[in-house]
């Protein structure tokens, strides 16, 4: 039984991290019926493989039914969610990758900024098999770090060659809406009021809510919760206590963090903290 198969058979969210490879993180879920996601986003690049069954894959405004053999891709900041269909079983693996590390191996060379990829998903069997192989390599404690580093570079080089195409910029500049998001980013630990965000962005409440959702595909409140979860993930990875993380990231208490964390990541803070 391969590493991926063994972890998926456990039917529990499995997380893998290694301090020697800080640019990449992995997870697997053996029974997707047990997890359900609220729309959320990450500040990193995400790529996953559906290993059995089928599910509904939402990426921003588009929802697609996808099945085993599919590779899914989410650029940093893209709102997404994958959820079961009528309690049908499904399973998957995911890799979460630092975009700056990816930028250094992009076809246009080292030192550039990360360029978002155009495809939202792919059924390329070569890419799918290579992703499963990379996952097995990463989580195998007997494999040398150098081998894992080389395998990661080889896979993402393959990804760029197989998929090609950098996503063209489609969002029109929206300085005042971006100012609202920046205000939330800077004050997410605090109790925010709509009028505070409106004042920072010089916008009316009705326009702010409508334009913010169009730009970020979530409401200001959903964006705030998502930002808190992103920070909680970082602190949990550093080994901080769950109660301390809840207090520091603006949640009312540990139970509040627990509820929102599970909505966003389909796992508890304790499961994620390792």
C-alpha atoms as a PDB file:
ATOM      1  CA  UNK A   1       0.000   0.000   0.000  1.00  0.00           C
ATOM      2  CA  UNK A   2       1.414   3.400  -0.990  1.00  0.00           C
ATOM      3  CA  UNK A   3       1.727   6.277   1.484  1.00  0.00           C
ATOM      4  CA  UNK A   4      -1.149   8.120  -0.164  1.00  0.00           C
ATOM      5  CA  UNK A   5      -3.369   5.027  -0.073  1.00  0.00           C
ATOM      6  CA  UNK A   6      -2.541   4.355   3.568  1.00  0.00           C
ATOM      7  CA  UNK A   7      -3.347   7.897   4.661  1.00  0.00           C
ATOM      8  CA  UNK A   8      -6.542   8.016   2.636  1.00  0.00           C
ATOM      9  CA  UNK A   9      -7.670   4.707   4.084  1.00  0.00           C
ATOM     10  CA  UNK A  10      -7.542   6.229   7.564  1.00  0.00           C
ATOM     11  CA  UNK A  11     -10.596   8.383   6.652  1.00  0.00           C
ATOM     12  CA  UNK A  12      -9.202  11.256   8.716  1.00  0.00           C
ATOM     13  CA  UNK A  13      -7.673  14.566   7.635  1.00  0.00           C
ATOM     14  CA  UNK A  14      -3.927  14.006   7.491  1.00  0.00           C
ATOM     15  CA  UNK A  15      -1.459  16.901   7.432  1.00  0.00           C
ATOM     16  CA  UNK A  16       2.239  16.729   6.579  1.00  0.00           C
ATOM     17  CA  UNK A  17       4.881  19.399   7.085  1.00  0.00           C
ATOM     18  CA  UNK A  18       8.678  19.339   7.378  1.00  0.00           C
ATOM     19  CA  UNK A  19      10.845  22.171   8.672  1.00  0.00           C
ATOM     20  CA  UNK A  20      13.417  21.263   6.007  1.00  0.00           C
ATOM     21  CA  UNK A  21      10.847  21.964   3.287  1.00  0.00           C
ATOM     22  CA  UNK A  22       9.078  25.114   4.534  1.00  0.00           C
ATOM     23  CA  UNK A  23       7.759  25.989   1.055  1.00  0.00           C
ATOM     24  CA  UNK A  24       5.322  23.070   0.834  1.00  0.00           C
ATOM     25  CA  UNK A  25       2.607  21.422   2.930  1.00  0.00           C
ATOM     26  CA  UNK A  26       0.436  18.371   2.184  1.00  0.00           C
ATOM     27  CA  UNK A  27      -2.860  16.930   3.330  1.00  0.00           C
ATOM     28  CA  UNK A  28      -5.072  13.997   2.468  1.00  0.00           C
ATOM     29  CA  UNK A  29      -8.711  13.181   3.176  1.00  0.00           C
ATOM     30  CA  UNK A  30      -9.930   9.618   2.854  1.00  0.00           C
ATOM     31  CA  UNK A  31     -13.657  10.225   3.171  1.00  0.00           C
ATOM     32  CA  UNK A  32     -14.747  13.539   1.692  1.00  0.00           C
ATOM     33  CA  UNK A  33     -18.256  13.035   3.019  1.00  0.00           C
ATOM     34  CA  UNK A  34     -16.913  13.915   6.461  1.00  0.00           C
ATOM     35  CA  UNK A  35     -15.621  17.321   5.409  1.00  0.00           C
ATOM     36  CA  UNK A  36     -17.509  20.356   4.155  1.00  0.00           C
ATOM     37  CA  UNK A  37     -15.958  23.698   3.264  1.00  0.00           C
ATOM     38  CA  UNK A  38     -17.235  27.230   3.363  1.00  0.00           C
ATOM     39  CA  UNK A  39     -15.903  29.322   0.455  1.00  0.00           C
ATOM     40  CA  UNK A  40     -12.399  30.435   1.438  1.00  0.00           C
ATOM     41  CA  UNK A  41      -9.031  31.413  -0.001  1.00  0.00           C
ATOM     42  CA  UNK A  42      -5.341  30.968   0.769  1.00  0.00           C
ATOM     43  CA  UNK A  43      -2.331  33.189   0.315  1.00  0.00           C
ATOM     44  CA  UNK A  44      -0.471  30.271  -1.201  1.00  0.00           C
ATOM     45  CA  UNK A  45      -0.852  28.188  -4.372  1.00  0.00           C
ATOM     46  CA  UNK A  46      -2.935  25.014  -4.001  1.00  0.00           C
ATOM     47  CA  UNK A  47      -2.967  21.924  -6.200  1.00  0.00           C
ATOM     48  CA  UNK A  48      -4.846  18.713  -5.513  1.00  0.00           C
ATOM     49  CA  UNK A  49      -5.834  15.365  -6.979  1.00  0.00           C
ATOM     50  CA  UNK A  50      -9.253  13.704  -6.695  1.00  0.00           C
ATOM     51  CA  UNK A  51      -8.322  10.090  -5.959  1.00  0.00           C
ATOM     52  CA  UNK A  52     -11.816   8.536  -5.890  1.00  0.00           C
ATOM     53  CA  UNK A  53     -15.466   9.467  -6.355  1.00  0.00           C
ATOM     54  CA  UNK A  54     -16.734  12.840  -7.499  1.00  0.00           C
ATOM     55  CA  UNK A  55     -17.558  16.199  -5.904  1.00  0.00           C
ATOM     56  CA  UNK A  56     -18.603  19.768  -6.585  1.00  0.00           C
ATOM     57  CA  UNK A  57     -15.668  22.116  -7.125  1.00  0.00           C
ATOM     58  CA  UNK A  58     -16.401  25.812  -6.767  1.00  0.00           C
ATOM     59  CA  UNK A  59     -13.793  28.306  -7.947  1.00  0.00           C
ATOM     60  CA  UNK A  60     -14.955  31.883  -7.491  1.00  0.00           C
ATOM     61  CA  UNK A  61     -18.255  32.092  -9.439  1.00  0.00           C
ATOM     62  CA  UNK A  62     -18.021  28.765 -11.293  1.00  0.00           C
ATOM     63  CA  UNK A  63     -19.105  25.381  -9.890  1.00  0.00           C
ATOM     64  CA  UNK A  64     -18.015  22.197 -11.699  1.00  0.00           C
ATOM     65  CA  UNK A  65     -18.682  18.519 -11.058  1.00  0.00           C
ATOM     66  CA  UNK A  66     -15.298  16.782 -11.028  1.00  0.00           C
ATOM     67  CA  UNK A  67     -14.254  13.174 -10.542  1.00  0.00           C
ATOM     68  CA  UNK A  68     -11.348  10.848  -9.814  1.00  0.00           C
ATOM     69  CA  UNK A  69      -8.367  11.539 -12.047  1.00  0.00           C
ATOM     70  CA  UNK A  70      -8.848  15.310 -11.936  1.00  0.00           C
ATOM     71  CA  UNK A  71      -6.170  17.754 -10.796  1.00  0.00           C
ATOM     72  CA  UNK A  72      -7.508  21.007  -9.307  1.00  0.00           C
ATOM     73  CA  UNK A  73      -5.574  24.271  -9.094  1.00  0.00           C
ATOM     74  CA  UNK A  74      -6.211  27.390  -7.026  1.00  0.00           C
ATOM     75  CA  UNK A  75      -4.087  30.525  -7.374  1.00  0.00           C
ATOM     76  CA  UNK A  76      -3.403  32.598  -4.261  1.00  0.00           C
ATOM     77  CA  UNK A  77      -6.476  34.597  -3.303  1.00  0.00           C
ATOM     78  CA  UNK A  78      -8.969  32.613  -5.393  1.00  0.00           C
ATOM     79  CA  UNK A  79     -12.108  31.756  -3.423  1.00  0.00           C
ATOM     80  CA  UNK A  80     -12.893  28.061  -3.646  1.00  0.00           C
ATOM     81  CA  UNK A  81     -14.580  25.066  -2.000  1.00  0.00           C
ATOM     82  CA  UNK A  82     -14.895  21.334  -2.712  1.00  0.00           C
ATOM     83  CA  UNK A  83     -17.869  19.514  -1.214  1.00  0.00           C
ATOM     84  CA  UNK A  84     -19.600  16.125  -1.525  1.00  0.00           C
ATOM     85  CA  UNK A  85     -22.535  15.396  -3.833  1.00  0.00           C
ATOM     86  CA  UNK A  86     -25.533  13.784  -2.111  1.00  0.00           C
ATOM     87  CA  UNK A  87     -23.352  11.980   0.446  1.00  0.00           C
ATOM     88  CA  UNK A  88     -21.378  10.189  -2.282  1.00  0.00           C
ATOM     89  CA  UNK A  89     -17.895   9.063  -1.135  1.00  0.00           C
ATOM     90  CA  UNK A  90     -14.825  10.787  -2.521  1.00  0.00           C
ATOM     91  CA  UNK A  91     -11.197  11.290  -1.495  1.00  0.00           C
ATOM     92  CA  UNK A  92      -8.353  13.620  -2.377  1.00  0.00           C
ATOM     93  CA  UNK A  93      -4.856  14.867  -1.660  1.00  0.00           C
ATOM     94  CA  UNK A  94      -3.684  18.497  -1.662  1.00  0.00           C
ATOM     95  CA  UNK A  95      -0.379  20.351  -1.775  1.00  0.00           C
ATOM     96  CA  UNK A  96      -0.043  23.967  -0.586  1.00  0.00           C
ATOM     97  CA  UNK A  97       2.966  25.762  -2.033  1.00  0.00           C
ATOM     98  CA  UNK A  98       4.686  29.070  -1.326  1.00  0.00           C
ATOM     99  CA  UNK A  99       4.104  31.245  -4.417  1.00  0.00           C
ATOM    100  CA  UNK A 100       7.530  32.878  -4.224  1.00  0.00           C
ATOM    101  CA  UNK A 101       9.198  29.462  -4.315  1.00  0.00           C
ATOM    102  CA  UNK A 102       7.106  28.676  -7.391  1.00  0.00           C
ATOM    103  CA  UNK A 103       8.029  32.015  -8.951  1.00  0.00           C
ATOM    104  CA  UNK A 104      11.691  31.025  -8.824  1.00  0.00           C
ATOM    105  CA  UNK A 105      11.072  27.965 -11.013  1.00  0.00           C
ATOM    106  CA  UNK A 106       8.613  29.544 -13.444  1.00  0.00           C
ATOM    107  CA  UNK A 107       9.539  29.365 -17.130  1.00  0.00           C
ATOM    108  CA  UNK A 108      10.383  33.083 -17.186  1.00  0.00           C
ATOM    109  CA  UNK A 109      13.145  32.578 -14.670  1.00  0.00           C
ATOM    110  CA  UNK A 110      14.254  33.315 -11.152  1.00  0.00           C
ATOM    111  CA  UNK A 111      13.458  36.543  -9.373  1.00  0.00           C
ATOM    112  CA  UNK A 112      10.092  37.265 -10.944  1.00  0.00           C
ATOM    113  CA  UNK A 113       6.769  37.474  -9.143  1.00  0.00           C
ATOM    114  CA  UNK A 114       4.460  34.467  -9.129  1.00  0.00           C
ATOM    115  CA  UNK A 115       2.235  34.415 -12.202  1.00  0.00           C
ATOM    116  CA  UNK A 116      -1.225  32.834 -11.672  1.00  0.00           C
ATOM    117  CA  UNK A 117      -2.044  29.814 -13.812  1.00  0.00           C
ATOM    118  CA  UNK A 118      -4.969  29.913 -16.215  1.00  0.00           C
ATOM    119  CA  UNK A 119      -6.510  26.409 -15.797  1.00  0.00           C
ATOM    120  CA  UNK A 120      -8.795  25.731 -12.852  1.00  0.00           C
ATOM    121  CA  UNK A 121      -8.492  21.962 -13.282  1.00  0.00           C
ATOM    122  CA  UNK A 122      -7.003  19.328 -15.564  1.00  0.00           C
ATOM    123  CA  UNK A 123      -7.615  15.678 -16.418  1.00  0.00           C
ATOM    124  CA  UNK A 124      -4.113  15.143 -17.772  1.00  0.00           C
ATOM    125  CA  UNK A 125      -3.198  11.594 -16.626  1.00  0.00           C
ATOM    126  CA  UNK A 126       0.539  12.350 -16.645  1.00  0.00           C
ATOM    127  CA  UNK A 127       0.107  15.304 -14.314  1.00  0.00           C
ATOM    128  CA  UNK A 128      -2.290  13.353 -12.078  1.00  0.00           C
ATOM    129  CA  UNK A 129       0.093  10.397 -11.675  1.00  0.00           C
ATOM    130  CA  UNK A 130       3.052  12.704 -11.065  1.00  0.00           C
ATOM    131  CA  UNK A 131       1.166  14.570  -8.345  1.00  0.00           C
ATOM    132  CA  UNK A 132       0.349  11.325  -6.519  1.00  0.00           C
ATOM    133  CA  UNK A 133       3.994  10.273  -6.816  1.00  0.00           C
ATOM    134  CA  UNK A 134       5.208  13.584  -5.384  1.00  0.00           C
ATOM    135  CA  UNK A 135       2.795  13.278  -2.460  1.00  0.00           C
ATOM    136  CA  UNK A 136       4.102   9.778  -1.668  1.00  0.00           C
ATOM    137  CA  UNK A 137       7.679  11.035  -1.852  1.00  0.00           C
ATOM    138  CA  UNK A 138       7.040  13.979   0.455  1.00  0.00           C
ATOM    139  CA  UNK A 139       5.285  12.072   3.236  1.00  0.00           C
ATOM    140  CA  UNK A 140       7.735   9.133   3.226  1.00  0.00           C
ATOM    141  CA  UNK A 141       9.961   9.606   6.287  1.00  0.00           C
ATOM    142  CA  UNK A 142      12.604   7.309   4.760  1.00  0.00           C
ATOM    143  CA  UNK A 143      13.201   9.543   1.721  1.00  0.00           C
ATOM    144  CA  UNK A 144      16.143  11.970   1.886  1.00  0.00           C
ATOM    145  CA  UNK A 145      15.416  15.699   1.976  1.00  0.00           C
ATOM    146  CA  UNK A 146      17.465  16.317  -1.180  1.00  0.00           C
ATOM    147  CA  UNK A 147      15.369  13.732  -3.027  1.00  0.00           C
ATOM    148  CA  UNK A 148      12.179  15.457  -1.865  1.00  0.00           C
ATOM    149  CA  UNK A 149      13.475  18.870  -2.938  1.00  0.00           C
ATOM    150  CA  UNK A 150      14.418  17.583  -6.387  1.00  0.00           C
ATOM    151  CA  UNK A 151      11.094  15.754  -6.764  1.00  0.00           C
ATOM    152  CA  UNK A 152       9.175  18.941  -5.949  1.00  0.00           C
ATOM    153  CA  UNK A 153      11.093  20.985  -8.520  1.00  0.00           C
ATOM    154  CA  UNK A 154      10.642  18.276 -11.148  1.00  0.00           C
ATOM    155  CA  UNK A 155       6.900  18.051 -10.559  1.00  0.00           C
ATOM    156  CA  UNK A 156       6.204  21.774 -10.744  1.00  0.00           C
ATOM    157  CA  UNK A 157       8.396  22.096 -13.816  1.00  0.00           C
ATOM    158  CA  UNK A 158       6.192  19.363 -15.328  1.00  0.00           C
ATOM    159  CA  UNK A 159       3.076  21.253 -14.213  1.00  0.00           C
ATOM    160  CA  UNK A 160       4.162  24.384 -16.078  1.00  0.00           C
ATOM    161  CA  UNK A 161       5.063  22.380 -19.186  1.00  0.00           C
ATOM    162  CA  UNK A 162       1.836  20.332 -19.202  1.00  0.00           C
ATOM    163  CA  UNK A 163      -0.560  23.165 -18.442  1.00  0.00           C
ATOM    164  CA  UNK A 164       1.228  26.130 -19.958  1.00  0.00           C
ATOM    165  CA  UNK A 165      -0.527  29.427 -20.022  1.00  0.00           C
ATOM    166  CA  UNK A 166      -0.330  32.100 -17.380  1.00  0.00           C
ATOM    167  CA  UNK A 167      -3.744  33.482 -16.445  1.00  0.00           C
ATOM    168  CA  UNK A 168      -4.255  36.938 -17.949  1.00  0.00           C
ATOM    169  CA  UNK A 169      -5.125  39.689 -15.519  1.00  0.00           C
ATOM    170  CA  UNK A 170      -8.890  40.184 -15.653  1.00  0.00           C
ATOM    171  CA  UNK A 171      -9.613  42.257 -12.566  1.00  0.00           C
ATOM    172  CA  UNK A 172      -9.835  45.961 -13.197  1.00  0.00           C
ATOM    173  CA  UNK A 173      -7.952  48.139 -10.710  1.00  0.00           C
ATOM    174  CA  UNK A 174     -10.205  49.072  -7.802  1.00  0.00           C
ATOM    175  CA  UNK A 175      -8.052  51.176  -5.461  1.00  0.00           C
ATOM    176  CA  UNK A 176     -10.751  52.018  -2.917  1.00  0.00           C
ATOM    177  CA  UNK A 177     -11.987  48.416  -2.673  1.00  0.00           C
ATOM    178  CA  UNK A 178      -8.400  47.239  -2.294  1.00  0.00           C
ATOM    179  CA  UNK A 179      -7.983  49.901   0.397  1.00  0.00           C
ATOM    180  CA  UNK A 180     -10.919  48.320   2.252  1.00  0.00           C
ATOM    181  CA  UNK A 181      -9.260  44.894   2.065  1.00  0.00           C
ATOM    182  CA  UNK A 182      -5.966  46.371   3.243  1.00  0.00           C
ATOM    183  CA  UNK A 183      -7.768  47.930   6.205  1.00  0.00           C
ATOM    184  CA  UNK A 184      -9.224  44.533   7.167  1.00  0.00           C
ATOM    185  CA  UNK A 185      -5.799  42.920   6.753  1.00  0.00           C
ATOM    186  CA  UNK A 186      -4.241  45.493   9.065  1.00  0.00           C
ATOM    187  CA  UNK A 187      -6.969  45.338  11.741  1.00  0.00           C
ATOM    188  CA  UNK A 188      -8.266  41.754  11.581  1.00  0.00           C
ATOM    189  CA  UNK A 189      -7.448  41.124  15.257  1.00  0.00           C
ATOM    190  CA  UNK A 190      -9.900  43.856  16.275  1.00  0.00           C
ATOM    191  CA  UNK A 191     -13.695  43.985  16.355  1.00  0.00           C
ATOM    192  CA  UNK A 192     -14.426  45.757  13.080  1.00  0.00           C
ATOM    193  CA  UNK A 193     -17.545  47.735  12.225  1.00  0.00           C
ATOM    194  CA  UNK A 194     -18.821  48.343   8.720  1.00  0.00           C
ATOM    195  CA  UNK A 195     -18.579  52.101   9.175  1.00  0.00           C
ATOM    196  CA  UNK A 196     -14.867  51.787  10.025  1.00  0.00           C
ATOM    197  CA  UNK A 197     -14.145  49.974   6.773  1.00  0.00           C
ATOM    198  CA  UNK A 198     -16.305  52.414   4.803  1.00  0.00           C
ATOM    199  CA  UNK A 199     -14.477  55.377   6.311  1.00  0.00           C
ATOM    200  CA  UNK A 200     -11.068  53.863   5.513  1.00  0.00           C
ATOM    201  CA  UNK A 201     -12.095  53.282   1.895  1.00  0.00           C
ATOM    202  CA  UNK A 202     -14.251  56.424   1.462  1.00  0.00           C
ATOM    203  CA  UNK A 203     -17.197  54.348   0.269  1.00  0.00           C
ATOM    204  CA  UNK A 204     -20.864  54.040   1.175  1.00  0.00           C
ATOM    205  CA  UNK A 205     -21.942  50.786   2.880  1.00  0.00           C
ATOM    206  CA  UNK A 206     -24.108  49.591  -0.017  1.00  0.00           C
ATOM    207  CA  UNK A 207     -21.422  50.234  -2.632  1.00  0.00           C
ATOM    208  CA  UNK A 208     -18.684  48.716  -0.472  1.00  0.00           C
ATOM    209  CA  UNK A 209     -20.543  45.448   0.084  1.00  0.00           C
ATOM    210  CA  UNK A 210     -21.544  45.096  -3.572  1.00  0.00           C
ATOM    211  CA  UNK A 211     -18.155  46.024  -5.038  1.00  0.00           C
ATOM    212  CA  UNK A 212     -16.158  44.099  -2.417  1.00  0.00           C
ATOM    213  CA  UNK A 213     -18.024  40.880  -3.236  1.00  0.00           C
ATOM    214  CA  UNK A 214     -17.472  41.441  -6.954  1.00  0.00           C
ATOM    215  CA  UNK A 215     -13.726  41.963  -6.433  1.00  0.00           C
ATOM    216  CA  UNK A 216     -12.956  39.324  -3.764  1.00  0.00           C
ATOM    217  CA  UNK A 217     -15.898  36.908  -4.206  1.00  0.00           C
ATOM    218  CA  UNK A 218     -16.780  37.157  -0.519  1.00  0.00           C
ATOM    219  CA  UNK A 219     -18.329  39.740   1.788  1.00  0.00           C
ATOM    220  CA  UNK A 220     -16.146  41.930   4.029  1.00  0.00           C
ATOM    221  CA  UNK A 221     -17.147  39.772   7.019  1.00  0.00           C
ATOM    222  CA  UNK A 222     -16.248  36.532   5.220  1.00  0.00           C
ATOM    223  CA  UNK A 223     -12.956  38.133   4.159  1.00  0.00           C
ATOM    224  CA  UNK A 224     -12.244  39.060   7.782  1.00  0.00           C
ATOM    225  CA  UNK A 225     -12.870  35.504   9.023  1.00  0.00           C
ATOM    226  CA  UNK A 226     -10.746  34.090   6.221  1.00  0.00           C
ATOM    227  CA  UNK A 227      -7.889  36.455   7.137  1.00  0.00           C
ATOM    228  CA  UNK A 228      -8.088  35.357  10.783  1.00  0.00           C
ATOM    229  CA  UNK A 229      -7.960  31.701   9.763  1.00  0.00           C
ATOM    230  CA  UNK A 230      -4.904  32.340   7.584  1.00  0.00           C
ATOM    231  CA  UNK A 231      -3.094  33.856  10.562  1.00  0.00           C
ATOM    232  CA  UNK A 232      -4.265  31.046  12.844  1.00  0.00           C
ATOM    233  CA  UNK A 233      -2.770  28.512  10.446  1.00  0.00           C
ATOM    234  CA  UNK A 234       0.616  30.232  10.605  1.00  0.00           C
ATOM    235  CA  UNK A 235       0.608  30.328  14.392  1.00  0.00           C
ATOM    236  CA  UNK A 236      -0.535  26.722  14.718  1.00  0.00           C
ATOM    237  CA  UNK A 237       2.248  25.635  12.367  1.00  0.00           C
ATOM    238  CA  UNK A 238       4.659  27.387  14.737  1.00  0.00           C
ATOM    239  CA  UNK A 239       3.329  25.244  17.580  1.00  0.00           C
ATOM    240  CA  UNK A 240       1.433  27.912  19.513  1.00  0.00           C
ATOM    241  CA  UNK A 241      -1.314  26.825  21.888  1.00  0.00           C
ATOM    242  CA  UNK A 242      -4.802  26.796  20.396  1.00  0.00           C
ATOM    243  CA  UNK A 243      -6.256  29.006  23.137  1.00  0.00           C
ATOM    244  CA  UNK A 244      -3.489  31.577  22.605  1.00  0.00           C
ATOM    245  CA  UNK A 245      -4.041  31.521  18.843  1.00  0.00           C
ATOM    246  CA  UNK A 246      -7.777  32.096  19.296  1.00  0.00           C
ATOM    247  CA  UNK A 247      -7.126  35.112  21.502  1.00  0.00           C
ATOM    248  CA  UNK A 248      -4.443  36.584  19.252  1.00  0.00           C
ATOM    249  CA  UNK A 249      -6.362  36.256  15.987  1.00  0.00           C
ATOM    250  CA  UNK A 250      -9.519  38.043  17.089  1.00  0.00           C
ATOM    251  CA  UNK A 251     -11.856  35.131  17.816  1.00  0.00           C
ATOM    252  CA  UNK A 252     -14.160  35.361  20.808  1.00  0.00           C
ATOM    253  CA  UNK A 253     -12.739  32.182  22.340  1.00  0.00           C
ATOM    254  CA  UNK A 254     -11.279  28.789  21.476  1.00  0.00           C
ATOM    255  CA  UNK A 255     -14.689  27.372  20.574  1.00  0.00           C
ATOM    256  CA  UNK A 256     -15.237  30.198  18.074  1.00  0.00           C
ATOM    257  CA  UNK A 257     -11.875  29.467  16.436  1.00  0.00           C
ATOM    258  CA  UNK A 258     -12.742  25.763  16.371  1.00  0.00           C
ATOM    259  CA  UNK A 259     -16.036  26.350  14.551  1.00  0.00           C
ATOM    260  CA  UNK A 260     -14.622  28.689  11.916  1.00  0.00           C
ATOM    261  CA  UNK A 261     -11.444  26.656  11.403  1.00  0.00           C
ATOM    262  CA  UNK A 262     -13.488  23.553  10.667  1.00  0.00           C
ATOM    263  CA  UNK A 263     -15.707  25.476   8.219  1.00  0.00           C
ATOM    264  CA  UNK A 264     -12.699  26.782   6.310  1.00  0.00           C
ATOM    265  CA  UNK A 265     -10.310  23.818   6.457  1.00  0.00           C
ATOM    266  CA  UNK A 266     -12.539  20.820   7.251  1.00  0.00           C
ATOM    267  CA  UNK A 267     -10.272  19.981  10.184  1.00  0.00           C
ATOM    268  CA  UNK A 268      -9.936  21.056  13.785  1.00  0.00           C
ATOM    269  CA  UNK A 269      -7.087  23.307  14.969  1.00  0.00           C
ATOM    270  CA  UNK A 270      -5.732  20.311  16.907  1.00  0.00           C
ATOM    271  CA  UNK A 271      -5.646  18.127  13.789  1.00  0.00           C
ATOM    272  CA  UNK A 272      -3.896  20.875  11.836  1.00  0.00           C
ATOM    273  CA  UNK A 273      -1.390  21.686  14.588  1.00  0.00           C
ATOM    274  CA  UNK A 274      -0.031  18.119  14.541  1.00  0.00           C
END
